[in-house]
Amino acid sequence: MALPAMLGMGAVIAFVTRILEWIVTRIASRVTNRLAGILIWTTLYISLLVGLAVTFSAIISGISASLPADLSQGIAAIKPNNFEACMSAIYGSKVAVWVFQQKRQLIDWEQGRPVL
């Protein structure tokens, strides 16, 4: 009589294991999809900011090179030598602030807090 009871336990354990496997798979899928989306947007945003900084630097350099000599010297007197580096620092700080905001939102989401 004990043998059929043991055979039933195997079926119950298999059933519970499959339910736990399904739950863990669903949770992992949601976390993975959310994280992938955040990484894609972060990469896109950083790429766009770097592209904007490079384009801005090229425009400034191109304008200075194509201007008449007197006007170019006048702009050089106003524009600091490290103008491109300053613009890169400004954009870099904007990227850093945005990345830290995204990180905070991800941590809040993982801990079950409302994400604004």
N, C-alpha and C. Protein backbone atom coordinates (compact mmCIF):
# COMPACT_ATOMS: atom_id res chain seq x y z
N MET A 1 0.80 -1.19 0.00
CA MET A 1 0.00 0.00 0.00
C MET A 1 0.85 1.27 0.00
N ALA A 2 2.04 1.20 0.49
CA ALA A 2 2.92 2.37 0.52
C ALA A 2 3.47 2.68 -0.87
N LEU A 3 3.57 1.68 -1.74
CA LEU A 3 4.14 1.90 -3.05
C LEU A 3 3.31 2.85 -3.92
N PRO A 4 1.97 2.73 -4.01
CA PRO A 4 1.21 3.70 -4.81
C PRO A 4 1.32 5.12 -4.25
N ALA A 5 1.44 5.27 -2.96
CA ALA A 5 1.58 6.61 -2.39
C ALA A 5 2.90 7.24 -2.85
N MET A 6 3.96 6.46 -2.93
CA MET A 6 5.25 6.98 -3.37
C MET A 6 5.22 7.35 -4.86
N LEU A 7 4.49 6.55 -5.66
CA LEU A 7 4.36 6.88 -7.07
C LEU A 7 3.60 8.19 -7.25
N GLY A 8 2.63 8.47 -6.43
CA GLY A 8 1.87 9.72 -6.49
C GLY A 8 2.72 10.92 -6.11
N MET A 9 3.68 10.73 -5.19
CA MET A 9 4.55 11.84 -4.78
C MET A 9 5.43 12.30 -5.94
N GLY A 10 5.87 11.35 -6.76
CA GLY A 10 6.68 11.71 -7.93
C GLY A 10 5.90 12.60 -8.89
N ALA A 11 4.64 12.27 -9.09
CA ALA A 11 3.80 13.07 -9.98
C ALA A 11 3.56 14.46 -9.39
N VAL A 12 3.34 14.52 -8.08
CA VAL A 12 3.13 15.81 -7.43
C VAL A 12 4.39 16.66 -7.51
N ILE A 13 5.54 16.04 -7.26
CA ILE A 13 6.81 16.78 -7.33
C ILE A 13 7.07 17.27 -8.75
N ALA A 14 6.79 16.45 -9.74
CA ALA A 14 6.96 16.87 -11.14
C ALA A 14 6.04 18.02 -11.48
N PHE A 15 4.80 17.96 -10.99
CA PHE A 15 3.83 19.04 -11.24
C PHE A 15 4.28 20.35 -10.61
N VAL A 16 4.70 20.29 -9.35
CA VAL A 16 5.16 21.49 -8.65
C VAL A 16 6.42 22.04 -9.31
N THR A 17 7.30 21.17 -9.75
CA THR A 17 8.52 21.60 -10.43
C THR A 17 8.20 22.33 -11.72
N ARG A 18 7.25 21.82 -12.47
CA ARG A 18 6.86 22.48 -13.72
C ARG A 18 6.22 23.83 -13.46
N ILE A 19 5.42 23.94 -12.42
CA ILE A 19 4.82 25.24 -12.08
C ILE A 19 5.90 26.23 -11.69
N LEU A 20 6.85 25.83 -10.85
CA LEU A 20 7.94 26.71 -10.45
C LEU A 20 8.81 27.11 -11.65
N GLU A 21 9.04 26.15 -12.53
CA GLU A 21 9.81 26.45 -13.75
C GLU A 21 9.10 27.50 -14.59
N TRP A 22 7.79 27.37 -14.75
CA TRP A 22 7.01 28.34 -15.52
C TRP A 22 7.07 29.73 -14.89
N ILE A 23 6.93 29.81 -13.55
CA ILE A 23 6.96 31.10 -12.85
C ILE A 23 8.33 31.76 -13.01
N VAL A 24 9.40 30.99 -12.80
CA VAL A 24 10.75 31.55 -12.91
C VAL A 24 11.03 32.00 -14.35
N THR A 25 10.55 31.24 -15.32
CA THR A 25 10.74 31.61 -16.73
C THR A 25 10.03 32.91 -17.04
N ARG A 26 8.81 33.08 -16.56
CA ARG A 26 8.05 34.32 -16.79
C ARG A 26 8.75 35.52 -16.17
N ILE A 27 9.20 35.38 -14.94
CA ILE A 27 9.88 36.49 -14.25
C ILE A 27 11.18 36.83 -14.97
N ALA A 28 11.96 35.82 -15.34
CA ALA A 28 13.22 36.07 -16.03
C ALA A 28 12.99 36.73 -17.39
N SER A 29 11.94 36.33 -18.07
CA SER A 29 11.62 36.91 -19.36
C SER A 29 11.27 38.38 -19.23
N ARG A 30 10.46 38.73 -18.24
CA ARG A 30 10.09 40.14 -18.04
C ARG A 30 11.30 40.99 -17.68
N VAL A 31 12.14 40.48 -16.78
CA VAL A 31 13.32 41.24 -16.37
C VAL A 31 14.27 41.40 -17.55
N THR A 32 14.46 40.35 -18.32
CA THR A 32 15.36 40.40 -19.47
C THR A 32 14.86 41.38 -20.52
N ASN A 33 13.57 41.34 -20.82
CA ASN A 33 13.01 42.26 -21.81
C ASN A 33 13.14 43.71 -21.34
N ARG A 34 12.86 43.95 -20.08
CA ARG A 34 12.96 45.32 -19.55
C ARG A 34 14.41 45.81 -19.59
N LEU A 35 15.34 44.95 -19.17
CA LEU A 35 16.74 45.33 -19.15
C LEU A 35 17.26 45.55 -20.57
N ALA A 36 16.85 44.72 -21.50
CA ALA A 36 17.28 44.89 -22.90
C ALA A 36 16.77 46.21 -23.45
N GLY A 37 15.53 46.55 -23.15
CA GLY A 37 14.99 47.83 -23.59
C GLY A 37 15.75 49.01 -23.02
N ILE A 38 16.07 48.94 -21.74
CA ILE A 38 16.82 50.02 -21.11
C ILE A 38 18.20 50.14 -21.74
N LEU A 39 18.86 49.00 -21.99
CA LEU A 39 20.20 49.04 -22.59
C LEU A 39 20.16 49.59 -24.01
N ILE A 40 19.14 49.24 -24.76
CA ILE A 40 19.02 49.74 -26.14
C ILE A 40 18.83 51.25 -26.13
N TRP A 41 17.93 51.74 -25.28
CA TRP A 41 17.70 53.19 -25.22
C TRP A 41 18.91 53.93 -24.71
N THR A 42 19.62 53.36 -23.73
CA THR A 42 20.83 53.99 -23.21
C THR A 42 21.89 54.09 -24.30
N THR A 43 22.08 53.01 -25.03
CA THR A 43 23.06 53.00 -26.12
C THR A 43 22.68 54.00 -27.20
N LEU A 44 21.41 54.04 -27.55
CA LEU A 44 20.96 54.99 -28.57
C LEU A 44 21.16 56.42 -28.12
N TYR A 45 20.83 56.72 -26.87
CA TYR A 45 20.96 58.07 -26.35
C TYR A 45 22.42 58.50 -26.31
N ILE A 46 23.29 57.62 -25.83
CA ILE A 46 24.71 57.96 -25.76
C ILE A 46 25.28 58.14 -27.17
N SER A 47 24.89 57.29 -28.09
CA SER A 47 25.37 57.42 -29.48
C SER A 47 24.92 58.74 -30.10
N LEU A 48 23.69 59.11 -29.86
CA LEU A 48 23.19 60.37 -30.39
C LEU A 48 23.91 61.57 -29.77
N LEU A 49 24.17 61.52 -28.47
CA LEU A 49 24.89 62.63 -27.84
C LEU A 49 26.33 62.73 -28.33
N VAL A 50 26.98 61.59 -28.50
CA VAL A 50 28.35 61.62 -29.02
C VAL A 50 28.35 62.15 -30.46
N GLY A 51 27.41 61.68 -31.25
CA GLY A 51 27.29 62.18 -32.62
C GLY A 51 27.01 63.66 -32.67
N LEU A 52 26.16 64.14 -31.77
CA LEU A 52 25.86 65.57 -31.71
C LEU A 52 27.10 66.38 -31.32
N ALA A 53 27.86 65.88 -30.35
CA ALA A 53 29.08 66.59 -29.92
C ALA A 53 30.11 66.63 -31.05
N VAL A 54 30.29 65.51 -31.76
CA VAL A 54 31.24 65.47 -32.87
C VAL A 54 30.79 66.39 -34.00
N THR A 55 29.49 66.36 -34.31
CA THR A 55 28.96 67.22 -35.35
C THR A 55 29.12 68.69 -34.98
N PHE A 56 28.83 69.01 -33.74
CA PHE A 56 28.95 70.39 -33.27
C PHE A 56 30.41 70.85 -33.37
N SER A 57 31.33 70.00 -32.97
CA SER A 57 32.76 70.33 -33.05
C SER A 57 33.18 70.51 -34.50
N ALA A 58 32.72 69.65 -35.39
CA ALA A 58 33.06 69.76 -36.81
C ALA A 58 32.49 71.03 -37.42
N ILE A 59 31.27 71.39 -37.02
CA ILE A 59 30.67 72.62 -37.54
C ILE A 59 31.47 73.83 -37.09
N ILE A 60 31.84 73.87 -35.81
CA ILE A 60 32.61 74.99 -35.30
C ILE A 60 33.96 75.09 -36.03
N SER A 61 34.63 73.96 -36.19
CA SER A 61 35.93 73.96 -36.88
C SER A 61 35.76 74.33 -38.36
N GLY A 62 34.71 73.82 -38.98
CA GLY A 62 34.46 74.13 -40.39
C GLY A 62 34.14 75.58 -40.61
N ILE A 63 33.36 76.15 -39.72
CA ILE A 63 33.02 77.57 -39.85
C ILE A 63 34.28 78.42 -39.70
N SER A 64 35.11 78.06 -38.72
CA SER A 64 36.34 78.82 -38.51
C SER A 64 37.27 78.71 -39.70
N ALA A 65 37.31 77.56 -40.36
CA ALA A 65 38.22 77.37 -41.49
C ALA A 65 37.71 78.05 -42.75
N SER A 66 36.40 78.20 -42.91
CA SER A 66 35.85 78.75 -44.15
C SER A 66 35.56 80.24 -44.08
N LEU A 67 35.76 80.84 -42.94
CA LEU A 67 35.50 82.27 -42.80
C LEU A 67 36.67 83.09 -43.36
N PRO A 68 36.41 84.32 -43.70
CA PRO A 68 37.53 85.20 -44.07
C PRO A 68 38.51 85.33 -42.90
N ALA A 69 39.73 85.66 -43.22
CA ALA A 69 40.80 85.67 -42.22
C ALA A 69 40.50 86.62 -41.07
N ASP A 70 40.00 87.81 -41.35
CA ASP A 70 39.73 88.79 -40.29
C ASP A 70 38.62 88.30 -39.35
N LEU A 71 37.57 87.76 -39.93
CA LEU A 71 36.46 87.25 -39.11
C LEU A 71 36.89 86.03 -38.30
N SER A 72 37.69 85.15 -38.91
CA SER A 72 38.19 83.98 -38.20
C SER A 72 39.06 84.39 -37.02
N GLN A 73 39.89 85.42 -37.20
CA GLN A 73 40.72 85.91 -36.09
C GLN A 73 39.86 86.53 -35.00
N GLY A 74 38.79 87.21 -35.39
CA GLY A 74 37.88 87.79 -34.41
C GLY A 74 37.18 86.73 -33.58
N ILE A 75 36.72 85.66 -34.23
CA ILE A 75 36.09 84.57 -33.49
C ILE A 75 37.10 83.86 -32.61
N ALA A 76 38.33 83.70 -33.12
CA ALA A 76 39.37 83.06 -32.32
C ALA A 76 39.69 83.88 -31.07
N ALA A 77 39.51 85.20 -31.15
CA ALA A 77 39.75 86.04 -29.97
C ALA A 77 38.66 85.84 -28.92
N ILE A 78 37.46 85.48 -29.35
CA ILE A 78 36.33 85.30 -28.42
C ILE A 78 36.23 83.85 -27.96
N LYS A 79 36.40 82.93 -28.89
CA LYS A 79 36.25 81.50 -28.59
C LYS A 79 37.48 80.99 -27.85
N PRO A 80 37.26 80.33 -26.70
CA PRO A 80 38.42 79.79 -25.98
C PRO A 80 39.05 78.62 -26.75
N ASN A 81 40.30 78.34 -26.44
CA ASN A 81 41.02 77.27 -27.12
C ASN A 81 40.44 75.90 -26.81
N ASN A 82 39.86 75.76 -25.62
CA ASN A 82 39.33 74.46 -25.21
C ASN A 82 37.80 74.40 -25.35
N PHE A 83 37.25 75.10 -26.32
CA PHE A 83 35.80 75.16 -26.50
C PHE A 83 35.20 73.78 -26.75
N GLU A 84 35.84 73.00 -27.64
CA GLU A 84 35.32 71.66 -27.95
C GLU A 84 35.38 70.76 -26.73
N ALA A 85 36.47 70.88 -25.95
CA ALA A 85 36.59 70.06 -24.73
C ALA A 85 35.52 70.45 -23.72
N CYS A 86 35.23 71.73 -23.62
CA CYS A 86 34.17 72.18 -22.70
C CYS A 86 32.81 71.64 -23.12
N MET A 87 32.53 71.69 -24.41
CA MET A 87 31.25 71.17 -24.89
C MET A 87 31.16 69.66 -24.65
N SER A 88 32.26 68.96 -24.84
CA SER A 88 32.26 67.52 -24.57
C SER A 88 32.02 67.25 -23.09
N ALA A 89 32.59 68.07 -22.21
CA ALA A 89 32.37 67.89 -20.77
C ALA A 89 30.91 68.14 -20.41
N ILE A 90 30.31 69.14 -21.02
CA ILE A 90 28.89 69.43 -20.74
C ILE A 90 28.02 68.26 -21.18
N TYR A 91 28.24 67.77 -22.40
CA TYR A 91 27.44 66.65 -22.88
C TYR A 91 27.73 65.38 -22.10
N GLY A 92 28.99 65.20 -21.70
CA GLY A 92 29.34 64.03 -20.88
C GLY A 92 28.63 64.04 -19.54
N SER A 93 28.52 65.21 -18.92
CA SER A 93 27.81 65.29 -17.64
C SER A 93 26.33 65.03 -17.83
N LYS A 94 25.76 65.49 -18.94
CA LYS A 94 24.35 65.20 -19.21
C LYS A 94 24.12 63.70 -19.37
N VAL A 95 25.03 63.03 -20.06
CA VAL A 95 24.92 61.58 -20.23
C VAL A 95 25.03 60.89 -18.89
N ALA A 96 25.99 61.33 -18.05
CA ALA A 96 26.18 60.69 -16.75
C ALA A 96 24.94 60.85 -15.87
N VAL A 97 24.34 62.02 -15.86
CA VAL A 97 23.13 62.25 -15.07
C VAL A 97 22.00 61.36 -15.57
N TRP A 98 21.86 61.26 -16.88
CA TRP A 98 20.78 60.44 -17.44
C TRP A 98 20.99 58.96 -17.12
N VAL A 99 22.23 58.50 -17.21
CA VAL A 99 22.52 57.09 -16.91
C VAL A 99 22.21 56.79 -15.45
N PHE A 100 22.59 57.69 -14.54
CA PHE A 100 22.30 57.47 -13.13
C PHE A 100 20.80 57.50 -12.84
N GLN A 101 20.04 58.33 -13.56
CA GLN A 101 18.59 58.33 -13.40
C GLN A 101 18.01 57.00 -13.86
N GLN A 102 18.51 56.48 -14.98
CA GLN A 102 18.02 55.20 -15.47
C GLN A 102 18.38 54.08 -14.48
N LYS A 103 19.56 54.15 -13.91
CA LYS A 103 19.98 53.14 -12.93
C LYS A 103 19.08 53.19 -11.70
N ARG A 104 18.75 54.39 -11.25
CA ARG A 104 17.88 54.52 -10.09
C ARG A 104 16.49 53.98 -10.40
N GLN A 105 15.98 54.25 -11.59
CA GLN A 105 14.67 53.72 -11.97
C GLN A 105 14.69 52.20 -12.03
N LEU A 106 15.77 51.63 -12.54
CA LEU A 106 15.87 50.17 -12.61
C LEU A 106 15.91 49.58 -11.21
N ILE A 107 16.66 50.18 -10.30
CA ILE A 107 16.73 49.67 -8.93
C ILE A 107 15.37 49.80 -8.25
N ASP A 108 14.69 50.94 -8.45
CA ASP A 108 13.35 51.11 -7.88
C ASP A 108 12.38 50.09 -8.43
N TRP A 109 12.48 49.81 -9.73
CA TRP A 109 11.58 48.83 -10.35
C TRP A 109 11.83 47.44 -9.79
N GLU A 110 13.11 47.08 -9.59
CA GLU A 110 13.43 45.76 -9.07
C GLU A 110 12.97 45.60 -7.62
N GLN A 111 12.96 46.69 -6.86
CA GLN A 111 12.56 46.62 -5.46
C GLN A 111 11.06 46.82 -5.27
N GLY A 112 10.34 47.02 -6.36
CA GLY A 112 8.89 47.11 -6.28
C GLY A 112 8.38 48.49 -5.93
N ARG A 113 9.24 49.49 -5.97
CA ARG A 113 8.79 50.86 -5.72
C ARG A 113 8.19 51.44 -6.98
N PRO A 114 7.30 52.42 -6.86
CA PRO A 114 6.74 53.03 -8.07
C PRO A 114 7.82 53.79 -8.83
N VAL A 115 7.87 53.60 -10.14
CA VAL A 115 8.85 54.26 -10.99
C VAL A 115 8.20 55.44 -11.66
N LEU A 116 8.79 56.61 -11.46
CA LEU A 116 8.24 57.82 -12.08
C LEU A 116 8.98 58.17 -13.33
